[in-house]
Amino acid sequence: MAKDFASLTNYQLEKVQLFDMFPHTSHYEVLTFLTLK
């Protein structure tokens, strides 16, 4: 995810929310809120 965000230089990260959609595993989903600079 850090590599993807690094390529979005025209955007600013405002909020991040993690979701545990797969209980009892090490996997999770991430929702990000980006705004145009």
PDB file of N, CA and C in Angstrom:
ATOM      1  N   MET A   1       0.814  -1.183   0.000  1.00  0.00           N
ATOM      2  CA  MET A   1       0.000   0.000   0.000  1.00  0.00           C
ATOM      3  C   MET A   1       0.867   1.259   0.000  1.00  0.00           C
ATOM      4  N   ALA A   2       1.991   1.229   0.671  1.00  0.00           N
ATOM      5  CA  ALA A   2       2.883   2.396   0.707  1.00  0.00           C
ATOM      6  C   ALA A   2       3.403   2.724  -0.689  1.00  0.00           C
ATOM      7  N   LYS A   3       3.696   1.702  -1.478  1.00  0.00           N
ATOM      8  CA  LYS A   3       4.170   1.931  -2.849  1.00  0.00           C
ATOM      9  C   LYS A   3       3.071   2.571  -3.694  1.00  0.00           C
ATOM     10  N   ASP A   4       1.841   2.103  -3.528  1.00  0.00           N
ATOM     11  CA  ASP A   4       0.719   2.674  -4.276  1.00  0.00           C
ATOM     12  C   ASP A   4       0.506   4.131  -3.896  1.00  0.00           C
ATOM     13  N   PHE A   5       0.532   4.419  -2.599  1.00  0.00           N
ATOM     14  CA  PHE A   5       0.306   5.787  -2.142  1.00  0.00           C
ATOM     15  C   PHE A   5       1.423   6.718  -2.603  1.00  0.00           C
ATOM     16  N   ALA A   6       2.644   6.227  -2.683  1.00  0.00           N
ATOM     17  CA  ALA A   6       3.777   7.048  -3.118  1.00  0.00           C
ATOM     18  C   ALA A   6       3.592   7.547  -4.553  1.00  0.00           C
ATOM     19  N   SER A   7       2.869   6.796  -5.371  1.00  0.00           N
ATOM     20  CA  SER A   7       2.657   7.212  -6.761  1.00  0.00           C
ATOM     21  C   SER A   7       1.530   8.236  -6.902  1.00  0.00           C
ATOM     22  N   LEU A   8       0.784   8.477  -5.844  1.00  0.00           N
ATOM     23  CA  LEU A   8      -0.332   9.431  -5.878  1.00  0.00           C
ATOM     24  C   LEU A   8       0.111  10.766  -5.286  1.00  0.00           C
ATOM     25  N   THR A   9       1.064  11.395  -5.927  1.00  0.00           N
ATOM     26  CA  THR A   9       1.677  12.607  -5.377  1.00  0.00           C
ATOM     27  C   THR A   9       0.740  13.809  -5.367  1.00  0.00           C
ATOM     28  N   ASN A  10      -0.331  13.779  -6.159  1.00  0.00           N
ATOM     29  CA  ASN A  10      -1.277  14.899  -6.194  1.00  0.00           C
ATOM     30  C   ASN A  10      -2.348  14.793  -5.111  1.00  0.00           C
ATOM     31  N   TYR A  11      -2.265  13.763  -4.263  1.00  0.00           N
ATOM     32  CA  TYR A  11      -3.275  13.535  -3.237  1.00  0.00           C
ATOM     33  C   TYR A  11      -2.662  13.557  -1.850  1.00  0.00           C
ATOM     34  N   GLN A  12      -3.489  13.939  -0.892  1.00  0.00           N
ATOM     35  CA  GLN A  12      -3.071  13.951   0.507  1.00  0.00           C
ATOM     36  C   GLN A  12      -3.921  12.941   1.268  1.00  0.00           C
ATOM     37  N   LEU A  13      -3.284  12.130   2.080  1.00  0.00           N
ATOM     38  CA  LEU A  13      -3.980  11.144   2.890  1.00  0.00           C
ATOM     39  C   LEU A  13      -4.650  11.840   4.072  1.00  0.00           C
ATOM     40  N   GLU A  14      -5.957  11.677   4.192  1.00  0.00           N
ATOM     41  CA  GLU A  14      -6.719  12.320   5.264  1.00  0.00           C
ATOM     42  C   GLU A  14      -7.040  11.350   6.398  1.00  0.00           C
ATOM     43  N   LYS A  15      -7.562  10.175   6.045  1.00  0.00           N
ATOM     44  CA  LYS A  15      -7.972   9.199   7.059  1.00  0.00           C
ATOM     45  C   LYS A  15      -7.678   7.788   6.573  1.00  0.00           C
ATOM     46  N   VAL A  16      -7.451   6.899   7.533  1.00  0.00           N
ATOM     47  CA  VAL A  16      -7.252   5.477   7.246  1.00  0.00           C
ATOM     48  C   VAL A  16      -8.107   4.681   8.217  1.00  0.00           C
ATOM     49  N   GLN A  17      -8.820   3.674   7.707  1.00  0.00           N
ATOM     50  CA  GLN A  17      -9.635   2.816   8.556  1.00  0.00           C
ATOM     51  C   GLN A  17      -9.360   1.362   8.187  1.00  0.00           C
ATOM     52  N   LEU A  18      -9.026   0.553   9.170  1.00  0.00           N
ATOM     53  CA  LEU A  18      -8.809  -0.874   8.956  1.00  0.00           C
ATOM     54  C   LEU A  18     -10.094  -1.635   9.235  1.00  0.00           C
ATOM     55  N   PHE A  19     -10.354  -2.658   8.433  1.00  0.00           N
ATOM     56  CA  PHE A  19     -11.516  -3.520   8.619  1.00  0.00           C
ATOM     57  C   PHE A  19     -11.051  -4.965   8.675  1.00  0.00           C
ATOM     58  N   ASP A  20     -11.475  -5.662   9.708  1.00  0.00           N
ATOM     59  CA  ASP A  20     -11.147  -7.076   9.859  1.00  0.00           C
ATOM     60  C   ASP A  20     -12.268  -7.895   9.224  1.00  0.00           C
ATOM     61  N   MET A  21     -12.179  -8.077   7.916  1.00  0.00           N
ATOM     62  CA  MET A  21     -13.214  -8.790   7.178  1.00  0.00           C
ATOM     63  C   MET A  21     -13.027 -10.302   7.234  1.00  0.00           C
ATOM     64  N   PHE A  22     -11.866 -10.733   7.687  1.00  0.00           N
ATOM     65  CA  PHE A  22     -11.541 -12.153   7.729  1.00  0.00           C
ATOM     66  C   PHE A  22     -11.070 -12.518   9.132  1.00  0.00           C
ATOM     67  N   PRO A  23     -11.995 -12.673  10.070  1.00  0.00           N
ATOM     68  CA  PRO A  23     -11.611 -12.971  11.451  1.00  0.00           C
ATOM     69  C   PRO A  23     -10.754 -14.236  11.547  1.00  0.00           C
ATOM     70  N   HIS A  24      -9.887 -14.242  12.528  1.00  0.00           N
ATOM     71  CA  HIS A  24      -9.009 -15.382  12.818  1.00  0.00           C
ATOM     72  C   HIS A  24      -7.964 -15.607  11.731  1.00  0.00           C
ATOM     73  N   THR A  25      -7.695 -14.577  10.915  1.00  0.00           N
ATOM     74  CA  THR A  25      -6.602 -14.627   9.938  1.00  0.00           C
ATOM     75  C   THR A  25      -5.775 -13.354  10.106  1.00  0.00           C
ATOM     76  N   SER A  26      -4.666 -13.292   9.414  1.00  0.00           N
ATOM     77  CA  SER A  26      -3.815 -12.099   9.476  1.00  0.00           C
ATOM     78  C   SER A  26      -4.152 -11.098   8.370  1.00  0.00           C
ATOM     79  N   HIS A  27      -5.266 -11.293   7.675  1.00  0.00           N
ATOM     80  CA  HIS A  27      -5.654 -10.424   6.562  1.00  0.00           C
ATOM     81  C   HIS A  27      -6.637  -9.358   7.030  1.00  0.00           C
ATOM     82  N   TYR A  28      -6.548  -8.186   6.406  1.00  0.00           N
ATOM     83  CA  TYR A  28      -7.474  -7.100   6.709  1.00  0.00           C
ATOM     84  C   TYR A  28      -7.639  -6.228   5.473  1.00  0.00           C
ATOM     85  N   GLU A  29      -8.699  -5.450   5.462  1.00  0.00           N
ATOM     86  CA  GLU A  29      -8.968  -4.504   4.386  1.00  0.00           C
ATOM     87  C   GLU A  29      -8.686  -3.100   4.907  1.00  0.00           C
ATOM     88  N   VAL A  30      -8.289  -2.205   4.000  1.00  0.00           N
ATOM     89  CA  VAL A  30      -7.962  -0.836   4.385  1.00  0.00           C
ATOM     90  C   VAL A  30      -8.767   0.125   3.515  1.00  0.00           C
ATOM     91  N   LEU A  31      -9.442   1.056   4.168  1.00  0.00           N
ATOM     92  CA  LEU A  31     -10.167   2.117   3.478  1.00  0.00           C
ATOM     93  C   LEU A  31      -9.407   3.411   3.721  1.00  0.00           C
ATOM     94  N   THR A  32      -9.100   4.134   2.658  1.00  0.00           N
ATOM     95  CA  THR A  32      -8.380   5.401   2.801  1.00  0.00           C
ATOM     96  C   THR A  32      -9.213   6.523   2.200  1.00  0.00           C
ATOM     97  N   PHE A  33      -9.096   7.692   2.795  1.00  0.00           N
ATOM     98  CA  PHE A  33      -9.762   8.892   2.302  1.00  0.00           C
ATOM     99  C   PHE A  33      -8.673   9.847   1.838  1.00  0.00           C
ATOM    100  N   LEU A  34      -8.650  10.123   0.535  1.00  0.00           N
ATOM    101  CA  LEU A  34      -7.642  10.991  -0.065  1.00  0.00           C
ATOM    102  C   LEU A  34      -8.308  12.257  -0.585  1.00  0.00           C
ATOM    103  N   THR A  35      -7.606  13.376  -0.476  1.00  0.00           N
ATOM    104  CA  THR A  35      -8.092  14.621  -1.062  1.00  0.00           C
ATOM    105  C   THR A  35      -7.056  15.138  -2.050  1.00  0.00           C
ATOM    106  N   LEU A  36      -7.542  15.801  -3.068  1.00  0.00           N
ATOM    107  CA  LEU A  36      -6.670  16.397  -4.074  1.00  0.00           C
ATOM    108  C   LEU A  36      -5.977  17.606  -3.463  1.00  0.00           C
ATOM    109  N   LYS A  37      -4.666  17.696  -3.656  1.00  0.00           N
ATOM    110  CA  LYS A  37      -3.897  18.826  -3.094  1.00  0.00           C
ATOM    111  C   LYS A  37      -4.196  20.100  -3.841  1.00  0.00           C
TER     112      LYS A  37
END
